[in-house]
């Protein structure tokens, strides 16, 4: 019975390591354009590189960009950097989820 408890504790520690993320807050520049020729929103992060499994949360981004507008906004972003086991898992599994790229949307 003690062996199963040790095994379960080891599995829980392994899953915790997989889910661990380091949090980094960095300056961010948003390039926003809503014109007849282009419709995009690009975030340029300063001082950090984003890898597989990382998540980025942009703070204070404009909720609405009127049509015909080109804007550049200075703000900040929080980057949640994945642990190396999570990066590896995302890299391996990411090749099978190519159709997830089609599910892109804007909230607002």
Protein backbone atom coordinates (compact mmCIF):
# COMPACT_ATOMS: atom_id res chain seq x y z
CA UNK A 1 0.00 0.00 0.00
CA UNK A 2 2.85 2.42 0.80
CA UNK A 3 4.30 1.89 -2.69
CA UNK A 4 1.08 3.13 -4.30
CA UNK A 5 1.11 6.26 -2.13
CA UNK A 6 4.69 7.03 -3.13
CA UNK A 7 3.82 6.40 -6.79
CA UNK A 8 0.77 8.68 -6.58
CA UNK A 9 2.81 11.41 -4.87
CA UNK A 10 5.47 11.14 -7.58
CA UNK A 11 2.84 11.36 -10.32
CA UNK A 12 1.29 14.43 -8.67
CA UNK A 13 4.70 16.09 -8.43
CA UNK A 14 5.32 15.30 -12.10
CA UNK A 15 2.00 16.85 -13.13
CA UNK A 16 2.70 19.92 -10.98
CA UNK A 17 6.05 20.33 -12.76
CA UNK A 18 4.28 20.04 -16.12
CA UNK A 19 1.80 22.76 -15.21
CA UNK A 20 4.32 25.14 -13.61
CA UNK A 21 4.74 28.49 -15.39
CA UNK A 22 7.06 31.40 -14.73
CA UNK A 23 5.37 34.81 -14.91
CA UNK A 24 7.17 37.77 -16.54
CA UNK A 25 5.73 41.24 -17.08
CA UNK A 26 7.21 43.18 -20.02
CA UNK A 27 6.56 46.36 -22.04
CA UNK A 28 4.53 45.76 -25.17
CA UNK A 29 3.80 47.69 -28.37
CA UNK A 30 0.52 47.00 -30.16
CA UNK A 31 0.29 47.68 -33.88
CA UNK A 32 -3.43 47.93 -34.76
CA UNK A 33 -4.90 48.48 -38.20
CA UNK A 34 -8.49 48.28 -39.44
CA UNK A 35 -8.47 49.55 -43.03
CA UNK A 36 -9.72 48.34 -46.37
CA UNK A 37 -6.27 46.91 -47.15
CA UNK A 38 -5.34 45.43 -43.75
CA UNK A 39 -7.03 44.17 -40.62
CA UNK A 40 -4.53 43.09 -37.98
CA UNK A 41 -3.32 43.39 -34.41
CA UNK A 42 0.34 42.61 -33.75
CA UNK A 43 1.92 42.57 -30.29
CA UNK A 44 5.67 43.14 -30.02
CA UNK A 45 7.05 42.09 -26.64
CA UNK A 46 10.25 43.66 -25.32
CA UNK A 47 12.86 41.60 -23.49
CA UNK A 48 11.27 38.16 -23.74
CA UNK A 49 10.95 35.45 -26.35
CA UNK A 50 7.74 33.43 -26.64
CA UNK A 51 8.04 29.65 -27.14
CA UNK A 52 5.72 26.67 -27.45
CA UNK A 53 3.37 26.35 -24.50
CA UNK A 54 3.78 29.97 -23.39
CA UNK A 55 0.75 32.23 -22.92
CA UNK A 56 0.60 36.00 -23.34
CA UNK A 57 -1.92 38.34 -21.70
CA UNK A 58 -1.90 41.92 -23.07
CA UNK A 59 -3.13 44.53 -20.57
CA UNK A 60 -5.13 47.67 -21.41
CA UNK A 61 -5.56 46.89 -25.10
CA UNK A 62 -8.20 48.96 -26.93
CA UNK A 63 -11.52 47.12 -27.18
CA UNK A 64 -12.52 48.79 -30.44
CA UNK A 65 -10.57 50.18 -33.38
CA UNK A 66 -12.79 52.18 -35.76
CA UNK A 67 -12.65 51.25 -39.43
CA UNK A 68 -10.04 53.26 -41.33
CA UNK A 69 -7.80 53.58 -38.28
CA UNK A 70 -4.11 52.73 -37.84
CA UNK A 71 -2.90 52.94 -34.22
CA UNK A 72 0.20 52.13 -32.23
CA UNK A 73 -0.34 51.66 -28.50
CA UNK A 74 2.30 51.27 -25.77
CA UNK A 75 1.13 48.98 -22.99
CA UNK A 76 2.35 46.01 -20.96
CA UNK A 77 1.92 42.27 -21.22
CA UNK A 78 2.29 39.31 -18.90
CA UNK A 79 4.04 36.27 -20.37
CA UNK A 80 3.45 32.92 -18.67
CA UNK A 81 6.48 30.83 -19.68
CA UNK A 82 5.94 27.08 -19.75
CA UNK A 83 8.25 24.58 -18.09
CA UNK A 84 10.49 22.52 -20.39
CA UNK A 85 8.33 19.33 -20.04
CA UNK A 86 5.26 21.33 -21.06
CA UNK A 87 7.12 22.85 -24.03
CA UNK A 88 8.14 19.39 -25.17
CA UNK A 89 4.59 18.07 -24.80
CA UNK A 90 3.13 21.01 -26.72
CA UNK A 91 5.72 20.60 -29.48
CA UNK A 92 4.92 16.89 -29.85
CA UNK A 93 1.14 17.27 -29.67
CA UNK A 94 1.01 20.54 -31.61
CA UNK A 95 1.62 18.88 -34.95
CA UNK A 96 -1.61 16.91 -34.60
CA UNK A 97 -3.77 19.97 -33.87
CA UNK A 98 -3.22 22.00 -37.04
CA UNK A 99 -6.97 22.55 -37.49
CA UNK A 100 -7.04 24.47 -34.19
CA UNK A 101 -5.35 27.32 -36.06
CA UNK A 102 -8.59 27.91 -37.97
CA UNK A 103 -10.48 28.73 -34.76
CA UNK A 104 -9.30 32.33 -34.39
CA UNK A 105 -11.58 35.00 -33.01
CA UNK A 106 -11.67 38.43 -31.45
CA UNK A 107 -13.38 39.12 -28.16
CA UNK A 108 -15.13 42.33 -27.51
